[in-house]
Amino acid sequence: MWAACAVLLATFSVNAMSWTYISAVAAKRAAGAGSDRERTSIHMPTGLIEGTETIVLFTLMLAVPNLALGWFIVMSVLVAATVLQRSLWVRANLR
């Protein structure tokens, strides 16, 4: 179970690095948050997994700890899909 937890933490880290890199590239190309009048100073393309889903995941793991391994695996796959989704967004929008 700890290996699955480590994989989830790694995907969270890769996800955070991906959107910070994307926001830096967007800002450099004048396609960042300032150009779209976003409420934040950092442009973050939407993704499959964001804050609400993460809160729900951790709530489920605390409520039903015997299913945590499955949730670790499912969430790792979904976060990896989010990284891929944002990467495809970069290819389409920041060329």
PDB file of N, CA and C in Angstrom:
ATOM      1  N   MET A   1       0.820  -1.188   0.000  1.00  0.00           N
ATOM      2  CA  MET A   1       0.000   0.000   0.000  1.00  0.00           C
ATOM      3  C   MET A   1       0.869   1.260   0.000  1.00  0.00           C
ATOM      4  N   TRP A   2       2.022   1.222   0.672  1.00  0.00           N
ATOM      5  CA  TRP A   2       2.874   2.404   0.733  1.00  0.00           C
ATOM      6  C   TRP A   2       3.480   2.730  -0.625  1.00  0.00           C
ATOM      7  N   ALA A   3       3.716   1.715  -1.436  1.00  0.00           N
ATOM      8  CA  ALA A   3       4.236   1.970  -2.780  1.00  0.00           C
ATOM      9  C   ALA A   3       3.201   2.729  -3.613  1.00  0.00           C
ATOM     10  N   ALA A   4       1.939   2.340  -3.489  1.00  0.00           N
ATOM     11  CA  ALA A   4       0.867   3.036  -4.209  1.00  0.00           C
ATOM     12  C   ALA A   4       0.729   4.472  -3.714  1.00  0.00           C
ATOM     13  N   CYS A   5       0.900   4.669  -2.412  1.00  0.00           N
ATOM     14  CA  CYS A   5       0.870   6.021  -1.851  1.00  0.00           C
ATOM     15  C   CYS A   5       2.020   6.857  -2.413  1.00  0.00           C
ATOM     16  N   ALA A   6       3.195   6.267  -2.524  1.00  0.00           N
ATOM     17  CA  ALA A   6       4.352   6.977  -3.075  1.00  0.00           C
ATOM     18  C   ALA A   6       4.128   7.347  -4.542  1.00  0.00           C
ATOM     19  N   VAL A   7       3.500   6.444  -5.297  1.00  0.00           N
ATOM     20  CA  VAL A   7       3.196   6.735  -6.698  1.00  0.00           C
ATOM     21  C   VAL A   7       2.212   7.906  -6.781  1.00  0.00           C
ATOM     22  N   LEU A   8       1.206   7.914  -5.911  1.00  0.00           N
ATOM     23  CA  LEU A   8       0.242   9.017  -5.903  1.00  0.00           C
ATOM     24  C   LEU A   8       0.940  10.332  -5.589  1.00  0.00           C
ATOM     25  N   LEU A   9       1.801  10.334  -4.601  1.00  0.00           N
ATOM     26  CA  LEU A   9       2.534  11.557  -4.265  1.00  0.00           C
ATOM     27  C   LEU A   9       3.416  12.016  -5.429  1.00  0.00           C
ATOM     28  N   ALA A  10       4.012  11.056  -6.134  1.00  0.00           N
ATOM     29  CA  ALA A  10       4.831  11.400  -7.299  1.00  0.00           C
ATOM     30  C   ALA A  10       3.984  12.020  -8.407  1.00  0.00           C
ATOM     31  N   THR A  11       2.807  11.463  -8.647  1.00  0.00           N
ATOM     32  CA  THR A  11       1.944  12.042  -9.683  1.00  0.00           C
ATOM     33  C   THR A  11       1.467  13.433  -9.277  1.00  0.00           C
ATOM     34  N   PHE A  12       1.209  13.644  -7.981  1.00  0.00           N
ATOM     35  CA  PHE A  12       0.860  14.988  -7.515  1.00  0.00           C
ATOM     36  C   PHE A  12       2.001  15.962  -7.802  1.00  0.00           C
ATOM     37  N   SER A  13       3.224  15.531  -7.561  1.00  0.00           N
ATOM     38  CA  SER A  13       4.384  16.396  -7.799  1.00  0.00           C
ATOM     39  C   SER A  13       4.551  16.707  -9.284  1.00  0.00           C
ATOM     40  N   VAL A  14       4.430  15.700 -10.125  1.00  0.00           N
ATOM     41  CA  VAL A  14       4.541  15.915 -11.570  1.00  0.00           C
ATOM     42  C   VAL A  14       3.422  16.833 -12.047  1.00  0.00           C
ATOM     43  N   ASN A  15       2.231  16.659 -11.521  1.00  0.00           N
ATOM     44  CA  ASN A  15       1.109  17.517 -11.882  1.00  0.00           C
ATOM     45  C   ASN A  15       1.393  18.967 -11.496  1.00  0.00           C
ATOM     46  N   ALA A  16       1.883  19.193 -10.298  1.00  0.00           N
ATOM     47  CA  ALA A  16       2.195  20.557  -9.856  1.00  0.00           C
ATOM     48  C   ALA A  16       3.287  21.174 -10.726  1.00  0.00           C
ATOM     49  N   MET A  17       4.302  20.387 -11.057  1.00  0.00           N
ATOM     50  CA  MET A  17       5.366  20.902 -11.923  1.00  0.00           C
ATOM     51  C   MET A  17       4.829  21.220 -13.313  1.00  0.00           C
ATOM     52  N   SER A  18       3.914  20.393 -13.808  1.00  0.00           N
ATOM     53  CA  SER A  18       3.400  20.619 -15.159  1.00  0.00           C
ATOM     54  C   SER A  18       2.622  21.924 -15.237  1.00  0.00           C
ATOM     55  N   TRP A  19       1.744  22.188 -14.278  1.00  0.00           N
ATOM     56  CA  TRP A  19       0.970  23.422 -14.419  1.00  0.00           C
ATOM     57  C   TRP A  19       1.777  24.666 -14.079  1.00  0.00           C
ATOM     58  N   THR A  20       2.783  24.555 -13.224  1.00  0.00           N
ATOM     59  CA  THR A  20       3.620  25.734 -13.003  1.00  0.00           C
ATOM     60  C   THR A  20       4.471  26.026 -14.231  1.00  0.00           C
ATOM     61  N   TYR A  21       4.955  24.990 -14.883  1.00  0.00           N
ATOM     62  CA  TYR A  21       5.710  25.187 -16.123  1.00  0.00           C
ATOM     63  C   TYR A  21       4.814  25.786 -17.204  1.00  0.00           C
ATOM     64  N   ILE A  22       3.608  25.248 -17.331  1.00  0.00           N
ATOM     65  CA  ILE A  22       2.672  25.757 -18.331  1.00  0.00           C
ATOM     66  C   ILE A  22       2.351  27.223 -18.066  1.00  0.00           C
ATOM     67  N   SER A  23       2.122  27.580 -16.810  1.00  0.00           N
ATOM     68  CA  SER A  23       1.785  28.969 -16.508  1.00  0.00           C
ATOM     69  C   SER A  23       2.967  29.895 -16.795  1.00  0.00           C
ATOM     70  N   ALA A  24       4.188  29.433 -16.554  1.00  0.00           N
ATOM     71  CA  ALA A  24       5.367  30.249 -16.851  1.00  0.00           C
ATOM     72  C   ALA A  24       5.514  30.450 -18.354  1.00  0.00           C
ATOM     73  N   VAL A  25       5.335  29.396 -19.123  1.00  0.00           N
ATOM     74  CA  VAL A  25       5.430  29.504 -20.582  1.00  0.00           C
ATOM     75  C   VAL A  25       4.324  30.409 -21.114  1.00  0.00           C
ATOM     76  N   ALA A  26       3.112  30.261 -20.593  1.00  0.00           N
ATOM     77  CA  ALA A  26       1.998  31.098 -21.043  1.00  0.00           C
ATOM     78  C   ALA A  26       2.265  32.564 -20.728  1.00  0.00           C
ATOM     79  N   ALA A  27       2.790  32.850 -19.557  1.00  0.00           N
ATOM     80  CA  ALA A  27       3.095  34.233 -19.191  1.00  0.00           C
ATOM     81  C   ALA A  27       4.179  34.803 -20.097  1.00  0.00           C
ATOM     82  N   LYS A  28       5.180  34.009 -20.418  1.00  0.00           N
ATOM     83  CA  LYS A  28       6.263  34.472 -21.280  1.00  0.00           C
ATOM     84  C   LYS A  28       5.754  34.795 -22.676  1.00  0.00           C
ATOM     85  N   ARG A  29       4.767  34.070 -23.117  1.00  0.00           N
ATOM     86  CA  ARG A  29       4.221  34.287 -24.465  1.00  0.00           C
ATOM     87  C   ARG A  29       3.011  35.205 -24.456  1.00  0.00           C
ATOM     88  N   ALA A  30       2.809  35.912 -23.355  1.00  0.00           N
ATOM     89  CA  ALA A  30       1.684  36.847 -23.198  1.00  0.00           C
ATOM     90  C   ALA A  30       0.337  36.163 -23.387  1.00  0.00           C
ATOM     91  N   ALA A  31       0.251  34.909 -22.991  1.00  0.00           N
ATOM     92  CA  ALA A  31      -1.014  34.174 -23.058  1.00  0.00           C
ATOM     93  C   ALA A  31      -1.424  33.734 -21.660  1.00  0.00           C
ATOM     94  N   GLY A  32      -0.865  34.376 -20.653  1.00  0.00           N
ATOM     95  CA  GLY A  32      -1.106  33.975 -19.269  1.00  0.00           C
ATOM     96  C   GLY A  32      -2.371  34.581 -18.697  1.00  0.00           C
ATOM     97  N   ALA A  33      -2.429  34.592 -17.391  1.00  0.00           N
ATOM     98  CA  ALA A  33      -3.620  35.032 -16.674  1.00  0.00           C
ATOM     99  C   ALA A  33      -3.954  36.490 -16.963  1.00  0.00           C
ATOM    100  N   GLY A  34      -2.941  37.329 -17.129  1.00  0.00           N
ATOM    101  CA  GLY A  34      -3.183  38.743 -17.386  1.00  0.00           C
ATOM    102  C   GLY A  34      -3.909  38.999 -18.692  1.00  0.00           C
ATOM    103  N   SER A  35      -3.702  38.155 -19.675  1.00  0.00           N
ATOM    104  CA  SER A  35      -4.340  38.366 -20.974  1.00  0.00           C
ATOM    105  C   SER A  35      -5.804  37.946 -20.994  1.00  0.00           C
ATOM    106  N   ASP A  36      -6.197  37.083 -20.076  1.00  0.00           N
ATOM    107  CA  ASP A  36      -7.577  36.596 -20.048  1.00  0.00           C
ATOM    108  C   ASP A  36      -8.395  37.165 -18.897  1.00  0.00           C
ATOM    109  N   ARG A  37      -7.815  38.090 -18.132  1.00  0.00           N
ATOM    110  CA  ARG A  37      -8.477  38.699 -16.973  1.00  0.00           C
ATOM    111  C   ARG A  37      -8.930  37.643 -15.962  1.00  0.00           C
ATOM    112  N   GLU A  38      -8.068  36.665 -15.729  1.00  0.00           N
ATOM    113  CA  GLU A  38      -8.369  35.639 -14.733  1.00  0.00           C
ATOM    114  C   GLU A  38      -8.236  36.231 -13.341  1.00  0.00           C
ATOM    115  N   ARG A  39      -8.873  35.591 -12.375  1.00  0.00           N
ATOM    116  CA  ARG A  39      -8.842  36.093 -11.007  1.00  0.00           C
ATOM    117  C   ARG A  39      -7.532  35.787 -10.295  1.00  0.00           C
ATOM    118  N   THR A  40      -6.732  34.901 -10.838  1.00  0.00           N
ATOM    119  CA  THR A  40      -5.440  34.575 -10.230  1.00  0.00           C
ATOM    120  C   THR A  40      -4.322  35.118 -11.104  1.00  0.00           C
ATOM    121  N   SER A  41      -3.133  35.170 -10.546  1.00  0.00           N
ATOM    122  CA  SER A  41      -2.010  35.667 -11.329  1.00  0.00           C
ATOM    123  C   SER A  41      -1.338  34.563 -12.135  1.00  0.00           C
ATOM    124  N   ILE A  42      -1.733  33.321 -11.902  1.00  0.00           N
ATOM    125  CA  ILE A  42      -1.144  32.184 -12.603  1.00  0.00           C
ATOM    126  C   ILE A  42      -2.213  31.520 -13.460  1.00  0.00           C
ATOM    127  N   HIS A  43      -1.889  31.314 -14.733  1.00  0.00           N
ATOM    128  CA  HIS A  43      -2.812  30.619 -15.625  1.00  0.00           C
ATOM    129  C   HIS A  43      -2.661  29.116 -15.422  1.00  0.00           C
ATOM    130  N   MET A  44      -3.761  28.456 -15.126  1.00  0.00           N
ATOM    131  CA  MET A  44      -3.727  27.008 -14.964  1.00  0.00           C
ATOM    132  C   MET A  44      -4.860  26.408 -15.801  1.00  0.00           C
ATOM    133  N   PRO A  45      -4.509  25.740 -16.892  1.00  0.00           N
ATOM    134  CA  PRO A  45      -5.558  25.107 -17.691  1.00  0.00           C
ATOM    135  C   PRO A  45      -6.335  24.095 -16.840  1.00  0.00           C
ATOM    136  N   THR A  46      -7.612  24.008 -17.086  1.00  0.00           N
ATOM    137  CA  THR A  46      -8.420  23.069 -16.313  1.00  0.00           C
ATOM    138  C   THR A  46      -7.952  21.650 -16.573  1.00  0.00           C
ATOM    139  N   GLY A  47      -8.177  20.804 -15.595  1.00  0.00           N
ATOM    140  CA  GLY A  47      -7.770  19.412 -15.706  1.00  0.00           C
ATOM    141  C   GLY A  47      -8.831  18.490 -15.152  1.00  0.00           C
ATOM    142  N   LEU A  48      -8.661  17.239 -15.403  1.00  0.00           N
ATOM    143  CA  LEU A  48      -9.593  16.221 -14.932  1.00  0.00           C
ATOM    144  C   LEU A  48      -9.633  16.182 -13.407  1.00  0.00           C
ATOM    145  N   ILE A  49      -8.466  16.242 -12.778  1.00  0.00           N
ATOM    146  CA  ILE A  49      -8.372  16.204 -11.323  1.00  0.00           C
ATOM    147  C   ILE A  49      -7.869  17.553 -10.838  1.00  0.00           C
ATOM    148  N   GLU A  50      -8.646  18.175  -9.973  1.00  0.00           N
ATOM    149  CA  GLU A  50      -8.260  19.459  -9.396  1.00  0.00           C
ATOM    150  C   GLU A  50      -8.504  19.393  -7.891  1.00  0.00           C
ATOM    151  N   GLY A  51      -8.671  20.510  -7.246  1.00  0.00           N
ATOM    152  CA  GLY A  51      -8.754  20.564  -5.788  1.00  0.00           C
ATOM    153  C   GLY A  51      -9.907  19.805  -5.163  1.00  0.00           C
ATOM    154  N   THR A  52     -11.097  19.973  -5.704  1.00  0.00           N
ATOM    155  CA  THR A  52     -12.279  19.333  -5.117  1.00  0.00           C
ATOM    156  C   THR A  52     -12.160  17.818  -5.135  1.00  0.00           C
ATOM    157  N   GLU A  53     -11.713  17.283  -6.259  1.00  0.00           N
ATOM    158  CA  GLU A  53     -11.576  15.835  -6.377  1.00  0.00           C
ATOM    159  C   GLU A  53     -10.555  15.289  -5.386  1.00  0.00           C
ATOM    160  N   THR A  54      -9.504  16.047  -5.150  1.00  0.00           N
ATOM    161  CA  THR A  54      -8.483  15.617  -4.200  1.00  0.00           C
ATOM    162  C   THR A  54      -9.040  15.587  -2.785  1.00  0.00           C
ATOM    163  N   ILE A  55      -9.824  16.593  -2.426  1.00  0.00           N
ATOM    164  CA  ILE A  55     -10.449  16.629  -1.096  1.00  0.00           C
ATOM    165  C   ILE A  55     -11.397  15.441  -0.931  1.00  0.00           C
ATOM    166  N   VAL A  56     -12.176  15.151  -1.965  1.00  0.00           N
ATOM    167  CA  VAL A  56     -13.093  14.009  -1.908  1.00  0.00           C
ATOM    168  C   VAL A  56     -12.309  12.707  -1.732  1.00  0.00           C
ATOM    169  N   LEU A  57     -11.193  12.565  -2.461  1.00  0.00           N
ATOM    170  CA  LEU A  57     -10.372  11.360  -2.341  1.00  0.00           C
ATOM    171  C   LEU A  57      -9.900  11.156  -0.914  1.00  0.00           C
ATOM    172  N   PHE A  58      -9.321  12.191  -0.325  1.00  0.00           N
ATOM    173  CA  PHE A  58      -8.796  12.039   1.027  1.00  0.00           C
ATOM    174  C   PHE A  58      -9.905  11.805   2.047  1.00  0.00           C
ATOM    175  N   THR A  59     -11.072  12.388   1.823  1.00  0.00           N
ATOM    176  CA  THR A  59     -12.217  12.121   2.695  1.00  0.00           C
ATOM    177  C   THR A  59     -12.630  10.658   2.598  1.00  0.00           C
ATOM    178  N   LEU A  60     -12.682  10.129   1.383  1.00  0.00           N
ATOM    179  CA  LEU A  60     -13.031   8.713   1.194  1.00  0.00           C
ATOM    180  C   LEU A  60     -12.007   7.787   1.844  1.00  0.00           C
ATOM    181  N   MET A  61     -10.730   8.132   1.711  1.00  0.00           N
ATOM    182  CA  MET A  61      -9.703   7.277   2.312  1.00  0.00           C
ATOM    183  C   MET A  61      -9.778   7.287   3.833  1.00  0.00           C
ATOM    184  N   LEU A  62     -10.118   8.420   4.411  1.00  0.00           N
ATOM    185  CA  LEU A  62     -10.266   8.471   5.864  1.00  0.00           C
ATOM    186  C   LEU A  62     -11.543   7.777   6.325  1.00  0.00           C
ATOM    187  N   ALA A  63     -12.597   7.859   5.527  1.00  0.00           N
ATOM    188  CA  ALA A  63     -13.875   7.242   5.894  1.00  0.00           C
ATOM    189  C   ALA A  63     -13.838   5.725   5.743  1.00  0.00           C
ATOM    190  N   VAL A  64     -13.149   5.245   4.700  1.00  0.00           N
ATOM    191  CA  VAL A  64     -13.096   3.812   4.418  1.00  0.00           C
ATOM    192  C   VAL A  64     -11.637   3.415   4.163  1.00  0.00           C
ATOM    193  N   PRO A  65     -10.825   3.299   5.211  1.00  0.00           N
ATOM    194  CA  PRO A  65      -9.392   3.065   5.018  1.00  0.00           C
ATOM    195  C   PRO A  65      -9.043   1.720   4.376  1.00  0.00           C
ATOM    196  N   ASN A  66      -9.914   0.738   4.481  1.00  0.00           N
ATOM    197  CA  ASN A  66      -9.590  -0.552   3.880  1.00  0.00           C
ATOM    198  C   ASN A  66      -9.661  -0.518   2.346  1.00  0.00           C
ATOM    199  N   LEU A  67     -10.217   0.544   1.770  1.00  0.00           N
ATOM    200  CA  LEU A  67     -10.253   0.699   0.307  1.00  0.00           C
ATOM    201  C   LEU A  67      -9.212   1.695  -0.194  1.00  0.00           C
ATOM    202  N   ALA A  68      -8.333   2.145   0.697  1.00  0.00           N
ATOM    203  CA  ALA A  68      -7.367   3.191   0.342  1.00  0.00           C
ATOM    204  C   ALA A  68      -6.448   2.767  -0.806  1.00  0.00           C
ATOM    205  N   LEU A  69      -6.027   1.524  -0.843  1.00  0.00           N
ATOM    206  CA  LEU A  69      -5.133   1.062  -1.910  1.00  0.00           C
ATOM    207  C   LEU A  69      -5.771   1.283  -3.283  1.00  0.00           C
ATOM    208  N   GLY A  70      -7.010   0.918  -3.422  1.00  0.00           N
ATOM    209  CA  GLY A  70      -7.715   1.119  -4.694  1.00  0.00           C
ATOM    210  C   GLY A  70      -7.833   2.592  -5.052  1.00  0.00           C
ATOM    211  N   TRP A  71      -8.122   3.425  -4.043  1.00  0.00           N
ATOM    212  CA  TRP A  71      -8.227   4.861  -4.289  1.00  0.00           C
ATOM    213  C   TRP A  71      -6.882   5.457  -4.684  1.00  0.00           C
ATOM    214  N   PHE A  72      -5.795   4.967  -4.065  1.00  0.00           N
ATOM    215  CA  PHE A  72      -4.461   5.431  -4.456  1.00  0.00           C
ATOM    216  C   PHE A  72      -4.213   5.160  -5.933  1.00  0.00           C
ATOM    217  N   ILE A  73      -4.531   3.962  -6.361  1.00  0.00           N
ATOM    218  CA  ILE A  73      -4.279   3.561  -7.742  1.00  0.00           C
ATOM    219  C   ILE A  73      -5.151   4.354  -8.710  1.00  0.00           C
ATOM    220  N   VAL A  74      -6.439   4.451  -8.413  1.00  0.00           N
ATOM    221  CA  VAL A  74      -7.370   5.186  -9.286  1.00  0.00           C
ATOM    222  C   VAL A  74      -6.956   6.656  -9.387  1.00  0.00           C
ATOM    223  N   MET A  75      -6.659   7.253  -8.253  1.00  0.00           N
ATOM    224  CA  MET A  75      -6.287   8.670  -8.260  1.00  0.00           C
ATOM    225  C   MET A  75      -4.972   8.890  -8.996  1.00  0.00           C
ATOM    226  N   SER A  76      -4.012   7.977  -8.853  1.00  0.00           N
ATOM    227  CA  SER A  76      -2.739   8.105  -9.574  1.00  0.00           C
ATOM    228  C   SER A  76      -2.966   8.102 -11.083  1.00  0.00           C
ATOM    229  N   VAL A  77      -3.819   7.227 -11.551  1.00  0.00           N
ATOM    230  CA  VAL A  77      -4.123   7.150 -12.984  1.00  0.00           C
ATOM    231  C   VAL A  77      -4.817   8.433 -13.445  1.00  0.00           C
ATOM    232  N   LEU A  78      -5.766   8.924 -12.657  1.00  0.00           N
ATOM    233  CA  LEU A  78      -6.490  10.135 -13.046  1.00  0.00           C
ATOM    234  C   LEU A  78      -5.600  11.378 -13.031  1.00  0.00           C
ATOM    235  N   VAL A  79      -4.698  11.461 -12.066  1.00  0.00           N
ATOM    236  CA  VAL A  79      -3.775  12.600 -12.027  1.00  0.00           C
ATOM    237  C   VAL A  79      -2.809  12.527 -13.209  1.00  0.00           C
ATOM    238  N   ALA A  80      -2.331  11.335 -13.544  1.00  0.00           N
ATOM    239  CA  ALA A  80      -1.466  11.180 -14.719  1.00  0.00           C
ATOM    240  C   ALA A  80      -2.223  11.579 -15.990  1.00  0.00           C
ATOM    241  N   ALA A  81      -3.508  11.243 -16.059  1.00  0.00           N
ATOM    242  CA  ALA A  81      -4.327  11.651 -17.206  1.00  0.00           C
ATOM    243  C   ALA A  81      -4.460  13.167 -17.264  1.00  0.00           C
ATOM    244  N   THR A  82      -4.523  13.808 -16.114  1.00  0.00           N
ATOM    245  CA  THR A  82      -4.598  15.269 -16.069  1.00  0.00           C
ATOM    246  C   THR A  82      -3.318  15.893 -16.617  1.00  0.00           C
ATOM    247  N   VAL A  83      -2.174  15.318 -16.260  1.00  0.00           N
ATOM    248  CA  VAL A  83      -0.893  15.815 -16.787  1.00  0.00           C
ATOM    249  C   VAL A  83      -0.883  15.676 -18.310  1.00  0.00           C
ATOM    250  N   LEU A  84      -1.325  14.544 -18.805  1.00  0.00           N
ATOM    251  CA  LEU A  84      -1.398  14.337 -20.255  1.00  0.00           C
ATOM    252  C   LEU A  84      -2.361  15.332 -20.892  1.00  0.00           C
ATOM    253  N   GLN A  85      -3.501  15.553 -20.264  1.00  0.00           N
ATOM    254  CA  GLN A  85      -4.499  16.493 -20.779  1.00  0.00           C
ATOM    255  C   GLN A  85      -3.906  17.898 -20.884  1.00  0.00           C
ATOM    256  N   ARG A  86      -3.193  18.331 -19.868  1.00  0.00           N
ATOM    257  CA  ARG A  86      -2.592  19.668 -19.900  1.00  0.00           C
ATOM    258  C   ARG A  86      -1.464  19.742 -20.923  1.00  0.00           C
ATOM    259  N   SER A  87      -0.746  18.653 -21.093  1.00  0.00           N
ATOM    260  CA  SER A  87       0.320  18.624 -22.105  1.00  0.00           C
ATOM    261  C   SER A  87      -0.265  18.774 -23.495  1.00  0.00           C
ATOM    262  N   LEU A  88      -1.379  18.126 -23.751  1.00  0.00           N
ATOM    263  CA  LEU A  88      -2.042  18.254 -25.043  1.00  0.00           C
ATOM    264  C   LEU A  88      -2.576  19.665 -25.238  1.00  0.00           C
ATOM    265  N   TRP A  89      -3.035  20.301 -24.155  1.00  0.00           N
ATOM    266  CA  TRP A  89      -3.504  21.675 -24.231  1.00  0.00           C
ATOM    267  C   TRP A  89      -2.361  22.589 -24.647  1.00  0.00           C
ATOM    268  N   VAL A  90      -1.172  22.358 -24.114  1.00  0.00           N
ATOM    269  CA  VAL A  90      -0.006  23.162 -24.467  1.00  0.00           C
ATOM    270  C   VAL A  90       0.287  23.031 -25.955  1.00  0.00           C
ATOM    271  N   ARG A  91       0.261  21.815 -26.453  1.00  0.00           N
ATOM    272  CA  ARG A  91       0.537  21.609 -27.885  1.00  0.00           C
ATOM    273  C   ARG A  91      -0.458  22.348 -28.754  1.00  0.00           C
ATOM    274  N   ALA A  92      -1.718  22.379 -28.328  1.00  0.00           N
ATOM    275  CA  ALA A  92      -2.749  23.017 -29.134  1.00  0.00           C
ATOM    276  C   ALA A  92      -2.784  24.547 -28.997  1.00  0.00           C
ATOM    277  N   ASN A  93      -2.403  25.058 -27.837  1.00  0.00           N
ATOM    278  CA  ASN A  93      -2.603  26.486 -27.570  1.00  0.00           C
ATOM    279  C   ASN A  93      -1.353  27.333 -27.466  1.00  0.00           C
ATOM    280  N   LEU A  94      -0.213  26.756 -27.251  1.00  0.00           N
ATOM    281  CA  LEU A  94       0.983  27.546 -27.038  1.00  0.00           C
ATOM    282  C   LEU A  94       2.068  27.290 -28.085  1.00  0.00           C
ATOM    283  N   ARG A  95       1.684  27.147 -29.291  1.00  0.00           N
ATOM    284  CA  ARG A  95       2.671  26.942 -30.363  1.00  0.00           C
ATOM    285  C   ARG A  95       3.084  28.245 -30.950  1.00  0.00           C
TER     286      ARG A  95
END
